[in-house]
Amino acid sequence: MLEKSIEFLATLGPIGKKCPAPGTFGSLAGLLLVLLLSWSTQLPLITISLFFVPLIFLGIPLCTQAEKSLGRTDPGEVVWDEFTSIPLVFIGLPNSISLANPKEMLIWLAVGFIYFRIFDILKPLGIMKIQYMGKGFGVMIDDVLAAAYAAGLLYLTFTFSLSFF
């Protein structure tokens, strides 16, 4: 019973098991939760992002157990890593990016989502090596690193765009 509960949590239920691109849908679920939390709490994106840090640490043993349960290393249906890492992409955005200006916020969330998926799929700049570091740690940290790179690129894009607008 516990094994199936852990597997259900790690795959976010049907998201990881039924969707054609589970990593993308897991990331989208995390992004939608960020939007929902922003809307319901009016907290800045950096604060919402920091709420996910404990979930990342929880993901290390969770993903380790899910790997054992599923019998594979870093199985594609485990999307807890994408779900909990994508909020970190928005840490560098200023507090002015909020639902007070929903169009601007949605644009920056979409750009961050695209950057994260690119880094998560292609795994450049050492992300691929991190992925192979021991069980749930590698599963989680490669996505955290992809989020960190995406956050840096999003910050640079935001800062660069200020020159034109």
C-alpha atoms as a PDB file:
ATOM      1  CA  MET A   1       0.000   0.000   0.000  1.00  0.00           C
ATOM      2  CA  LEU A   2       2.778   2.445   0.951  1.00  0.00           C
ATOM      3  CA  GLU A   3       4.744   1.531  -2.182  1.00  0.00           C
ATOM      4  CA  LYS A   4       1.771   2.353  -4.430  1.00  0.00           C
ATOM      5  CA  SER A   5       1.126   5.620  -2.548  1.00  0.00           C
ATOM      6  CA  ILE A   6       4.739   6.697  -3.084  1.00  0.00           C
ATOM      7  CA  GLU A   7       4.533   5.749  -6.749  1.00  0.00           C
ATOM      8  CA  PHE A   8       1.256   7.699  -7.114  1.00  0.00           C
ATOM      9  CA  LEU A   9       2.825  10.797  -5.537  1.00  0.00           C
ATOM     10  CA  ALA A  10       6.049  10.557  -7.555  1.00  0.00           C
ATOM     11  CA  THR A  11       4.116  10.235 -10.824  1.00  0.00           C
ATOM     12  CA  LEU A  12       1.449  12.750  -9.781  1.00  0.00           C
ATOM     13  CA  GLY A  13      -1.038  10.013 -10.470  1.00  0.00           C
ATOM     14  CA  PRO A  14      -2.265  10.044 -14.040  1.00  0.00           C
ATOM     15  CA  ILE A  15       0.058  12.873 -15.129  1.00  0.00           C
ATOM     16  CA  GLY A  16       3.120  10.659 -15.172  1.00  0.00           C
ATOM     17  CA  LYS A  17       1.349   7.469 -16.155  1.00  0.00           C
ATOM     18  CA  LYS A  18      -1.117   8.567 -18.841  1.00  0.00           C
ATOM     19  CA  CYS A  19       0.229  11.722 -20.509  1.00  0.00           C
ATOM     20  CA  PRO A  20       2.241  11.376 -23.739  1.00  0.00           C
ATOM     21  CA  ALA A  21       5.025  13.719 -22.569  1.00  0.00           C
ATOM     22  CA  PRO A  22       5.031  13.224 -18.801  1.00  0.00           C
ATOM     23  CA  GLY A  23       7.938  15.591 -18.043  1.00  0.00           C
ATOM     24  CA  THR A  24       6.265  18.408 -19.925  1.00  0.00           C
ATOM     25  CA  PHE A  25       2.906  17.770 -18.257  1.00  0.00           C
ATOM     26  CA  GLY A  26       4.568  17.486 -14.833  1.00  0.00           C
ATOM     27  CA  SER A  27       6.257  20.831 -15.460  1.00  0.00           C
ATOM     28  CA  LEU A  28       2.953  22.294 -16.584  1.00  0.00           C
ATOM     29  CA  ALA A  29       1.292  21.041 -13.388  1.00  0.00           C
ATOM     30  CA  GLY A  30       3.974  22.804 -11.337  1.00  0.00           C
ATOM     31  CA  LEU A  31       3.517  25.968 -13.378  1.00  0.00           C
ATOM     32  CA  LEU A  32      -0.257  25.869 -12.895  1.00  0.00           C
ATOM     33  CA  LEU A  33       0.236  25.449  -9.142  1.00  0.00           C
ATOM     34  CA  VAL A  34       2.507  28.518  -9.144  1.00  0.00           C
ATOM     35  CA  LEU A  35      -0.218  30.457 -10.950  1.00  0.00           C
ATOM     36  CA  LEU A  36      -2.897  29.222  -8.552  1.00  0.00           C
ATOM     37  CA  LEU A  37      -0.792  30.107  -5.503  1.00  0.00           C
ATOM     38  CA  SER A  38       0.006  33.521  -6.955  1.00  0.00           C
ATOM     39  CA  TRP A  39      -3.654  34.184  -7.608  1.00  0.00           C
ATOM     40  CA  SER A  40      -4.926  32.900  -4.259  1.00  0.00           C
ATOM     41  CA  THR A  41      -2.226  34.315  -1.969  1.00  0.00           C
ATOM     42  CA  GLN A  42      -0.969  37.397  -3.859  1.00  0.00           C
ATOM     43  CA  LEU A  43       2.549  36.367  -2.792  1.00  0.00           C
ATOM     44  CA  PRO A  44       5.494  37.275  -5.029  1.00  0.00           C
ATOM     45  CA  LEU A  45       6.916  34.574  -7.272  1.00  0.00           C
ATOM     46  CA  ILE A  46      10.140  34.338  -5.264  1.00  0.00           C
ATOM     47  CA  THR A  47       8.190  33.483  -2.101  1.00  0.00           C
ATOM     48  CA  ILE A  48       6.090  30.899  -3.900  1.00  0.00           C
ATOM     49  CA  SER A  49       9.245  29.405  -5.414  1.00  0.00           C
ATOM     50  CA  LEU A  50      10.853  29.059  -2.001  1.00  0.00           C
ATOM     51  CA  PHE A  51       7.845  27.080  -0.741  1.00  0.00           C
ATOM     52  CA  PHE A  52       8.894  24.325  -3.152  1.00  0.00           C
ATOM     53  CA  VAL A  53      12.406  23.862  -1.715  1.00  0.00           C
ATOM     54  CA  PRO A  54      11.277  21.427   1.024  1.00  0.00           C
ATOM     55  CA  LEU A  55       9.349  19.476  -1.618  1.00  0.00           C
ATOM     56  CA  ILE A  56      12.593  19.110  -3.572  1.00  0.00           C
ATOM     57  CA  PHE A  57      14.318  17.631  -0.529  1.00  0.00           C
ATOM     58  CA  LEU A  58      11.325  15.351   0.021  1.00  0.00           C
ATOM     59  CA  GLY A  59      11.687  14.289  -3.619  1.00  0.00           C
ATOM     60  CA  ILE A  60      15.073  12.650  -3.088  1.00  0.00           C
ATOM     61  CA  PRO A  61      13.798   9.714  -0.980  1.00  0.00           C
ATOM     62  CA  LEU A  62      10.451   9.785  -2.806  1.00  0.00           C
ATOM     63  CA  CYS A  63      12.085   9.338  -6.223  1.00  0.00           C
ATOM     64  CA  THR A  64      14.503   6.748  -4.846  1.00  0.00           C
ATOM     65  CA  GLN A  65      11.560   4.653  -3.662  1.00  0.00           C
ATOM     66  CA  ALA A  66       9.660   5.218  -6.927  1.00  0.00           C
ATOM     67  CA  GLU A  67      12.677   3.941  -8.893  1.00  0.00           C
ATOM     68  CA  LYS A  68      12.693   0.793  -6.758  1.00  0.00           C
ATOM     69  CA  SER A  69       8.941   0.356  -7.121  1.00  0.00           C
ATOM     70  CA  LEU A  70       9.010   0.811 -10.897  1.00  0.00           C
ATOM     71  CA  GLY A  71      12.232  -1.195 -11.308  1.00  0.00           C
ATOM     72  CA  ARG A  72      13.985   1.422 -13.486  1.00  0.00           C
ATOM     73  CA  THR A  73      16.496   4.235 -13.103  1.00  0.00           C
ATOM     74  CA  ASP A  74      14.962   7.704 -13.546  1.00  0.00           C
ATOM     75  CA  PRO A  75      11.706   6.421 -15.062  1.00  0.00           C
ATOM     76  CA  GLY A  76       9.966   8.915 -17.331  1.00  0.00           C
ATOM     77  CA  GLU A  77       6.668   8.619 -15.491  1.00  0.00           C
ATOM     78  CA  VAL A  78       8.243  10.023 -12.302  1.00  0.00           C
ATOM     79  CA  VAL A  79       7.477  13.736 -12.685  1.00  0.00           C
ATOM     80  CA  TRP A  80       7.855  14.924  -9.088  1.00  0.00           C
ATOM     81  CA  ASP A  81      11.244  16.335 -10.097  1.00  0.00           C
ATOM     82  CA  GLU A  82       9.817  18.570 -12.846  1.00  0.00           C
ATOM     83  CA  PHE A  83       6.766  19.500 -10.773  1.00  0.00           C
ATOM     84  CA  THR A  84       8.807  20.745  -7.818  1.00  0.00           C
ATOM     85  CA  SER A  85      11.736  22.255  -9.740  1.00  0.00           C
ATOM     86  CA  ILE A  86       9.979  24.494 -12.247  1.00  0.00           C
ATOM     87  CA  PRO A  87       8.922  27.084  -9.642  1.00  0.00           C
ATOM     88  CA  LEU A  88      12.629  27.783  -9.030  1.00  0.00           C
ATOM     89  CA  VAL A  89      12.846  29.180 -12.569  1.00  0.00           C
ATOM     90  CA  PHE A  90      10.987  32.302 -11.428  1.00  0.00           C
ATOM     91  CA  ILE A  91      13.158  33.168  -8.410  1.00  0.00           C
ATOM     92  CA  GLY A  92      15.013  35.924 -10.290  1.00  0.00           C
ATOM     93  CA  LEU A  93      11.953  37.761 -11.541  1.00  0.00           C
ATOM     94  CA  PRO A  94      11.147  40.995  -9.688  1.00  0.00           C
ATOM     95  CA  ASN A  95       8.109  41.324  -7.430  1.00  0.00           C
ATOM     96  CA  SER A  96       6.550  43.603 -10.040  1.00  0.00           C
ATOM     97  CA  ILE A  97       5.847  40.510 -12.149  1.00  0.00           C
ATOM     98  CA  SER A  98       2.494  39.587 -10.662  1.00  0.00           C
ATOM     99  CA  LEU A  99      -1.137  39.086 -11.476  1.00  0.00           C
ATOM    100  CA  ALA A 100      -1.545  42.855 -11.175  1.00  0.00           C
ATOM    101  CA  ASN A 101      -0.434  42.692 -14.815  1.00  0.00           C
ATOM    102  CA  PRO A 102      -1.586  39.206 -15.884  1.00  0.00           C
ATOM    103  CA  LYS A 103      -0.504  39.465 -19.526  1.00  0.00           C
ATOM    104  CA  GLU A 104       3.085  40.317 -18.571  1.00  0.00           C
ATOM    105  CA  MET A 105       3.152  37.603 -15.921  1.00  0.00           C
ATOM    106  CA  LEU A 106       1.851  34.938 -18.296  1.00  0.00           C
ATOM    107  CA  ILE A 107       4.465  35.895 -20.890  1.00  0.00           C
ATOM    108  CA  TRP A 108       7.312  35.529 -18.372  1.00  0.00           C
ATOM    109  CA  LEU A 109       5.904  32.263 -17.030  1.00  0.00           C
ATOM    110  CA  ALA A 110       5.671  30.898 -20.588  1.00  0.00           C
ATOM    111  CA  VAL A 111       9.238  31.959 -21.405  1.00  0.00           C
ATOM    112  CA  GLY A 112      10.504  30.386 -18.164  1.00  0.00           C
ATOM    113  CA  PHE A 113       8.580  27.196 -18.903  1.00  0.00           C
ATOM    114  CA  ILE A 114      10.167  26.957 -22.370  1.00  0.00           C
ATOM    115  CA  TYR A 115      13.657  27.611 -20.999  1.00  0.00           C
ATOM    116  CA  PHE A 116      13.194  24.966 -18.310  1.00  0.00           C
ATOM    117  CA  ARG A 117      11.970  22.347 -20.754  1.00  0.00           C
ATOM    118  CA  ILE A 118      14.911  23.047 -23.093  1.00  0.00           C
ATOM    119  CA  PHE A 119      17.439  22.606 -20.281  1.00  0.00           C
ATOM    120  CA  ASP A 120      15.601  19.581 -18.874  1.00  0.00           C
ATOM    121  CA  ILE A 121      15.355  17.795 -22.229  1.00  0.00           C
ATOM    122  CA  LEU A 122      18.780  18.628 -23.703  1.00  0.00           C
ATOM    123  CA  LYS A 123      20.651  18.446 -20.361  1.00  0.00           C
ATOM    124  CA  PRO A 124      23.600  20.672 -21.374  1.00  0.00           C
ATOM    125  CA  LEU A 125      26.306  22.185 -19.171  1.00  0.00           C
ATOM    126  CA  GLY A 126      26.863  19.208 -16.884  1.00  0.00           C
ATOM    127  CA  ILE A 127      23.201  18.411 -16.218  1.00  0.00           C
ATOM    128  CA  MET A 128      23.572  15.000 -17.867  1.00  0.00           C
ATOM    129  CA  LYS A 129      26.414  14.054 -15.493  1.00  0.00           C
ATOM    130  CA  ILE A 130      24.393  15.132 -12.449  1.00  0.00           C
ATOM    131  CA  GLN A 131      21.490  12.939 -13.551  1.00  0.00           C
ATOM    132  CA  TYR A 132      23.593   9.823 -12.965  1.00  0.00           C
ATOM    133  CA  MET A 133      24.499  10.699  -9.358  1.00  0.00           C
ATOM    134  CA  GLY A 134      22.873   8.127  -7.151  1.00  0.00           C
ATOM    135  CA  LYS A 135      19.176   7.312  -7.251  1.00  0.00           C
ATOM    136  CA  GLY A 136      16.677  10.008  -6.205  1.00  0.00           C
ATOM    137  CA  PHE A 137      19.438  12.564  -5.729  1.00  0.00           C
ATOM    138  CA  GLY A 138      20.309  12.457  -9.427  1.00  0.00           C
ATOM    139  CA  VAL A 139      16.645  12.388 -10.431  1.00  0.00           C
ATOM    140  CA  MET A 140      15.947  15.564  -8.457  1.00  0.00           C
ATOM    141  CA  ILE A 141      19.165  17.530  -8.795  1.00  0.00           C
ATOM    142  CA  ASP A 142      19.367  17.401 -12.596  1.00  0.00           C
ATOM    143  CA  ASP A 143      15.993  19.179 -12.694  1.00  0.00           C
ATOM    144  CA  VAL A 144      17.044  21.645  -9.997  1.00  0.00           C
ATOM    145  CA  LEU A 145      20.121  22.439 -12.083  1.00  0.00           C
ATOM    146  CA  ALA A 146      17.976  22.797 -15.231  1.00  0.00           C
ATOM    147  CA  ALA A 147      15.755  25.191 -13.251  1.00  0.00           C
ATOM    148  CA  ALA A 148      18.788  27.158 -12.053  1.00  0.00           C
ATOM    149  CA  TYR A 149      20.110  27.550 -15.610  1.00  0.00           C
ATOM    150  CA  ALA A 150      16.634  28.480 -16.840  1.00  0.00           C
ATOM    151  CA  ALA A 151      16.296  31.001 -13.987  1.00  0.00           C
ATOM    152  CA  GLY A 152      19.600  32.602 -14.942  1.00  0.00           C
ATOM    153  CA  LEU A 153      18.624  32.802 -18.593  1.00  0.00           C
ATOM    154  CA  LEU A 154      15.174  34.148 -17.698  1.00  0.00           C
ATOM    155  CA  TYR A 155      16.764  36.811 -15.497  1.00  0.00           C
ATOM    156  CA  LEU A 156      19.138  37.809 -18.300  1.00  0.00           C
ATOM    157  CA  THR A 157      16.274  37.885 -20.787  1.00  0.00           C
ATOM    158  CA  PHE A 158      14.194  40.049 -18.437  1.00  0.00           C
ATOM    159  CA  THR A 159      17.108  42.406 -17.751  1.00  0.00           C
ATOM    160  CA  PHE A 160      18.006  42.604 -21.461  1.00  0.00           C
ATOM    161  CA  SER A 161      14.377  43.289 -22.399  1.00  0.00           C
ATOM    162  CA  LEU A 162      14.371  46.340 -20.111  1.00  0.00           C
ATOM    163  CA  SER A 163      16.744  47.956 -22.598  1.00  0.00           C
ATOM    164  CA  PHE A 164      14.020  47.910 -25.231  1.00  0.00           C
ATOM    165  CA  PHE A 165      10.827  48.646 -23.337  1.00  0.00           C
END
